[in-house]
Amino acid sequence: MATVPVRFVLFGKACELVKLPERNINVPNALNCQQLRQLIFHEVFKDLSPIQDCCILALNQEYIDDHDGTFTITAHSEIAVIPPISGG
C-alpha cells in the first residue's frame, strides 16, 4: 500500500500529553477509522492511548465517523486529534 505525507494536529490534552502541537509523518493512503485510530493511538502517539476513547478525529477539517468506510488520504492532508473540550 502506498503512503503519503500528512500533518497531524493535536489540540488540548492531546497536545499536552505529546508535548507538541503537530507532527508530519507518512501514513497509508487508504484507511478506515479503526485502522487510523490504531495508527494514531498505538503506533505514532502512544502517549495518547489513555484518552483514545474520548477523542474525535478529523480529516481535512471534517469529522471522521467510526462507521465511515475506507477513506482516501491524499498527500499533505491534515488529520486532527481533538480531545474533549470543557468550558467554564
N, C-alpha and C. Protein backbone atom coordinates (compact mmCIF):
# COMPACT_ATOMS: atom_id res chain seq x y z
N MET A 1 0.84 -1.18 0.00
CA MET A 1 0.00 0.00 0.00
C MET A 1 0.89 1.24 0.00
N ALA A 2 0.52 2.22 -0.77
CA ALA A 2 1.29 3.46 -0.86
C ALA A 2 1.10 4.30 0.40
N THR A 3 2.10 5.10 0.71
CA THR A 3 1.99 6.03 1.83
C THR A 3 2.09 7.46 1.31
N VAL A 4 1.52 8.37 2.10
CA VAL A 4 1.55 9.79 1.75
C VAL A 4 1.92 10.60 2.99
N PRO A 5 2.55 11.77 2.79
CA PRO A 5 2.87 12.62 3.93
C PRO A 5 1.62 13.37 4.40
N VAL A 6 1.39 13.36 5.71
CA VAL A 6 0.26 14.09 6.28
C VAL A 6 0.75 14.88 7.50
N ARG A 7 -0.07 15.84 7.88
CA ARG A 7 0.23 16.64 9.07
C ARG A 7 -0.80 16.30 10.14
N PHE A 8 -0.32 15.81 11.27
CA PHE A 8 -1.18 15.57 12.42
C PHE A 8 -1.18 16.83 13.27
N VAL A 9 -2.37 17.29 13.65
CA VAL A 9 -2.52 18.46 14.51
C VAL A 9 -3.17 17.98 15.80
N LEU A 10 -2.58 18.37 16.92
CA LEU A 10 -3.04 17.93 18.24
C LEU A 10 -3.55 19.12 19.03
N PHE A 11 -4.70 18.96 19.67
CA PHE A 11 -5.31 20.04 20.43
C PHE A 11 -5.44 19.66 21.90
N GLY A 12 -5.52 20.67 22.77
CA GLY A 12 -5.82 20.48 24.18
C GLY A 12 -4.98 19.44 24.87
N LYS A 13 -5.65 18.52 25.55
CA LYS A 13 -4.98 17.48 26.32
C LYS A 13 -4.08 16.63 25.44
N ALA A 14 -4.46 16.40 24.20
CA ALA A 14 -3.62 15.61 23.29
C ALA A 14 -2.28 16.30 23.07
N CYS A 15 -2.32 17.59 22.88
CA CYS A 15 -1.09 18.37 22.70
C CYS A 15 -0.24 18.34 23.97
N GLU A 16 -0.88 18.44 25.14
CA GLU A 16 -0.16 18.38 26.41
C GLU A 16 0.53 17.04 26.61
N LEU A 17 -0.16 15.95 26.30
CA LEU A 17 0.42 14.62 26.51
C LEU A 17 1.59 14.34 25.58
N VAL A 18 1.49 14.77 24.35
CA VAL A 18 2.53 14.50 23.35
C VAL A 18 3.64 15.55 23.41
N LYS A 19 3.30 16.72 23.96
CA LYS A 19 4.25 17.82 24.12
C LYS A 19 4.66 18.46 22.79
N LEU A 20 3.75 18.42 21.83
CA LEU A 20 3.95 19.16 20.58
C LEU A 20 2.61 19.33 19.90
N PRO A 21 2.43 20.46 19.20
CA PRO A 21 1.13 20.74 18.59
C PRO A 21 0.88 20.06 17.25
N GLU A 22 1.95 19.65 16.57
CA GLU A 22 1.75 18.97 15.29
C GLU A 22 2.98 18.14 14.95
N ARG A 23 2.76 17.22 14.01
CA ARG A 23 3.85 16.35 13.56
C ARG A 23 3.53 15.88 12.15
N ASN A 24 4.53 15.86 11.30
CA ASN A 24 4.38 15.37 9.93
C ASN A 24 4.93 13.95 9.85
N ILE A 25 4.12 13.03 9.31
CA ILE A 25 4.57 11.65 9.11
C ILE A 25 3.92 11.10 7.84
N ASN A 26 4.40 9.96 7.40
CA ASN A 26 3.80 9.25 6.27
C ASN A 26 2.82 8.21 6.80
N VAL A 27 1.66 8.12 6.16
CA VAL A 27 0.65 7.14 6.53
C VAL A 27 0.13 6.46 5.27
N PRO A 28 -0.48 5.28 5.42
CA PRO A 28 -1.09 4.63 4.25
C PRO A 28 -2.16 5.54 3.64
N ASN A 29 -2.31 5.48 2.34
CA ASN A 29 -3.24 6.39 1.67
C ASN A 29 -4.69 5.92 1.69
N ALA A 30 -4.96 4.74 2.22
CA ALA A 30 -6.33 4.25 2.36
C ALA A 30 -6.46 3.55 3.71
N LEU A 31 -7.36 4.07 4.54
CA LEU A 31 -7.58 3.53 5.89
C LEU A 31 -9.05 3.64 6.23
N ASN A 32 -9.49 2.82 7.18
CA ASN A 32 -10.80 3.07 7.78
C ASN A 32 -10.54 3.68 9.15
N CYS A 33 -11.58 4.09 9.85
CA CYS A 33 -11.41 4.80 11.11
C CYS A 33 -10.70 3.94 12.15
N GLN A 34 -11.04 2.67 12.23
CA GLN A 34 -10.41 1.78 13.20
C GLN A 34 -8.90 1.67 12.93
N GLN A 35 -8.51 1.55 11.68
CA GLN A 35 -7.09 1.47 11.34
C GLN A 35 -6.37 2.78 11.66
N LEU A 36 -7.03 3.90 11.39
CA LEU A 36 -6.43 5.19 11.70
C LEU A 36 -6.26 5.36 13.20
N ARG A 37 -7.27 4.97 13.98
CA ARG A 37 -7.16 5.04 15.44
C ARG A 37 -6.02 4.16 15.95
N GLN A 38 -5.88 2.98 15.40
CA GLN A 38 -4.78 2.08 15.78
C GLN A 38 -3.44 2.76 15.49
N LEU A 39 -3.31 3.33 14.33
CA LEU A 39 -2.08 4.01 13.94
C LEU A 39 -1.77 5.17 14.89
N ILE A 40 -2.76 6.00 15.16
CA ILE A 40 -2.53 7.18 15.99
C ILE A 40 -2.24 6.81 17.43
N PHE A 41 -3.13 6.02 18.05
CA PHE A 41 -3.06 5.81 19.49
C PHE A 41 -2.15 4.68 19.93
N HIS A 42 -1.73 3.82 19.02
CA HIS A 42 -0.89 2.68 19.42
C HIS A 42 0.44 2.61 18.70
N GLU A 43 0.63 3.43 17.68
CA GLU A 43 1.90 3.40 16.95
C GLU A 43 2.60 4.75 16.95
N VAL A 44 1.91 5.80 16.52
CA VAL A 44 2.55 7.10 16.36
C VAL A 44 2.56 7.90 17.67
N PHE A 45 1.42 7.98 18.34
CA PHE A 45 1.29 8.78 19.56
C PHE A 45 0.84 7.89 20.71
N LYS A 46 1.70 7.01 21.16
CA LYS A 46 1.35 6.05 22.22
C LYS A 46 0.94 6.75 23.51
N ASP A 47 1.45 7.96 23.76
CA ASP A 47 1.08 8.69 24.97
C ASP A 47 -0.39 9.08 24.99
N LEU A 48 -1.06 8.99 23.86
CA LEU A 48 -2.48 9.35 23.79
C LEU A 48 -3.41 8.19 24.08
N SER A 49 -2.88 6.99 24.25
CA SER A 49 -3.75 5.82 24.44
C SER A 49 -4.71 5.97 25.63
N PRO A 50 -4.33 6.65 26.74
CA PRO A 50 -5.30 6.80 27.83
C PRO A 50 -6.54 7.61 27.47
N ILE A 51 -6.46 8.48 26.47
CA ILE A 51 -7.62 9.31 26.12
C ILE A 51 -8.23 8.94 24.77
N GLN A 52 -7.81 7.81 24.21
CA GLN A 52 -8.26 7.45 22.87
C GLN A 52 -9.77 7.30 22.74
N ASP A 53 -10.44 6.82 23.77
CA ASP A 53 -11.88 6.58 23.67
C ASP A 53 -12.71 7.85 23.67
N CYS A 54 -12.11 8.96 24.08
CA CYS A 54 -12.89 10.20 24.13
C CYS A 54 -12.42 11.23 23.10
N CYS A 55 -11.52 10.85 22.22
CA CYS A 55 -11.04 11.77 21.18
C CYS A 55 -11.83 11.62 19.89
N ILE A 56 -12.00 12.73 19.22
CA ILE A 56 -12.61 12.75 17.89
C ILE A 56 -11.50 13.01 16.89
N LEU A 57 -11.62 12.41 15.72
CA LEU A 57 -10.64 12.62 14.66
C LEU A 57 -11.29 13.40 13.52
N ALA A 58 -10.49 14.22 12.86
CA ALA A 58 -10.97 14.96 11.70
C ALA A 58 -9.93 14.85 10.59
N LEU A 59 -10.41 14.69 9.38
CA LEU A 59 -9.56 14.65 8.19
C LEU A 59 -9.90 15.87 7.34
N ASN A 60 -8.93 16.74 7.16
CA ASN A 60 -9.14 17.97 6.39
C ASN A 60 -10.35 18.75 6.88
N GLN A 61 -10.43 18.91 8.20
CA GLN A 61 -11.45 19.70 8.89
C GLN A 61 -12.86 19.13 8.79
N GLU A 62 -12.96 17.81 8.53
CA GLU A 62 -14.26 17.13 8.55
C GLU A 62 -14.15 15.95 9.50
N TYR A 63 -15.09 15.86 10.44
CA TYR A 63 -15.06 14.78 11.41
C TYR A 63 -15.12 13.42 10.72
N ILE A 64 -14.40 12.47 11.30
CA ILE A 64 -14.41 11.10 10.81
C ILE A 64 -15.29 10.29 11.74
N ASP A 65 -16.26 9.61 11.20
CA ASP A 65 -17.17 8.77 11.98
C ASP A 65 -16.63 7.36 12.03
N ASP A 66 -16.78 6.71 13.19
CA ASP A 66 -16.30 5.34 13.35
C ASP A 66 -16.96 4.38 12.37
N HIS A 67 -18.11 4.77 11.83
CA HIS A 67 -18.83 3.89 10.91
C HIS A 67 -18.54 4.20 9.44
N ASP A 68 -17.71 5.21 9.21
CA ASP A 68 -17.32 5.51 7.83
C ASP A 68 -16.54 4.33 7.28
N GLY A 69 -16.67 4.09 6.02
CA GLY A 69 -15.89 3.03 5.38
C GLY A 69 -14.45 3.48 5.19
N THR A 70 -13.78 2.84 4.29
CA THR A 70 -12.40 3.22 3.98
C THR A 70 -12.40 4.58 3.29
N PHE A 71 -11.49 5.43 3.69
CA PHE A 71 -11.38 6.74 3.05
C PHE A 71 -9.96 6.92 2.52
N THR A 72 -9.84 7.78 1.54
CA THR A 72 -8.56 8.04 0.91
C THR A 72 -7.90 9.25 1.55
N ILE A 73 -6.63 9.10 1.85
CA ILE A 73 -5.85 10.20 2.40
C ILE A 73 -4.87 10.64 1.33
N THR A 74 -4.93 11.90 0.98
CA THR A 74 -4.04 12.42 -0.06
C THR A 74 -2.83 13.10 0.58
N ALA A 75 -1.80 13.29 -0.22
CA ALA A 75 -0.59 13.95 0.27
C ALA A 75 -0.93 15.32 0.86
N HIS A 76 -0.32 15.61 1.98
CA HIS A 76 -0.44 16.88 2.68
C HIS A 76 -1.82 17.09 3.30
N SER A 77 -2.56 16.00 3.51
CA SER A 77 -3.81 16.10 4.25
C SER A 77 -3.50 16.46 5.70
N GLU A 78 -4.53 16.95 6.38
CA GLU A 78 -4.39 17.28 7.80
C GLU A 78 -5.31 16.35 8.60
N ILE A 79 -4.75 15.69 9.59
CA ILE A 79 -5.53 14.84 10.49
C ILE A 79 -5.45 15.46 11.87
N ALA A 80 -6.60 15.80 12.44
CA ALA A 80 -6.64 16.43 13.76
C ALA A 80 -7.09 15.43 14.81
N VAL A 81 -6.45 15.50 15.97
CA VAL A 81 -6.84 14.71 17.13
C VAL A 81 -7.45 15.70 18.12
N ILE A 82 -8.76 15.55 18.37
CA ILE A 82 -9.49 16.52 19.17
C ILE A 82 -10.01 15.84 20.43
N PRO A 83 -9.44 16.17 21.60
CA PRO A 83 -9.92 15.61 22.85
C PRO A 83 -11.16 16.37 23.32
N PRO A 84 -11.81 15.89 24.39
CA PRO A 84 -12.96 16.63 24.91
C PRO A 84 -12.57 18.06 25.29
N ILE A 85 -13.48 18.96 25.08
CA ILE A 85 -13.25 20.37 25.41
C ILE A 85 -14.24 20.75 26.49
N SER A 86 -13.73 21.29 27.58
CA SER A 86 -14.63 21.71 28.65
C SER A 86 -14.62 23.23 28.73
N GLY A 87 -15.75 23.77 29.03
CA GLY A 87 -15.86 25.22 29.14
C GLY A 87 -16.09 25.64 30.57
N GLY A 88 -16.02 26.91 30.78
CA GLY A 88 -16.20 27.39 32.14
C GLY A 88 -17.08 28.59 32.20
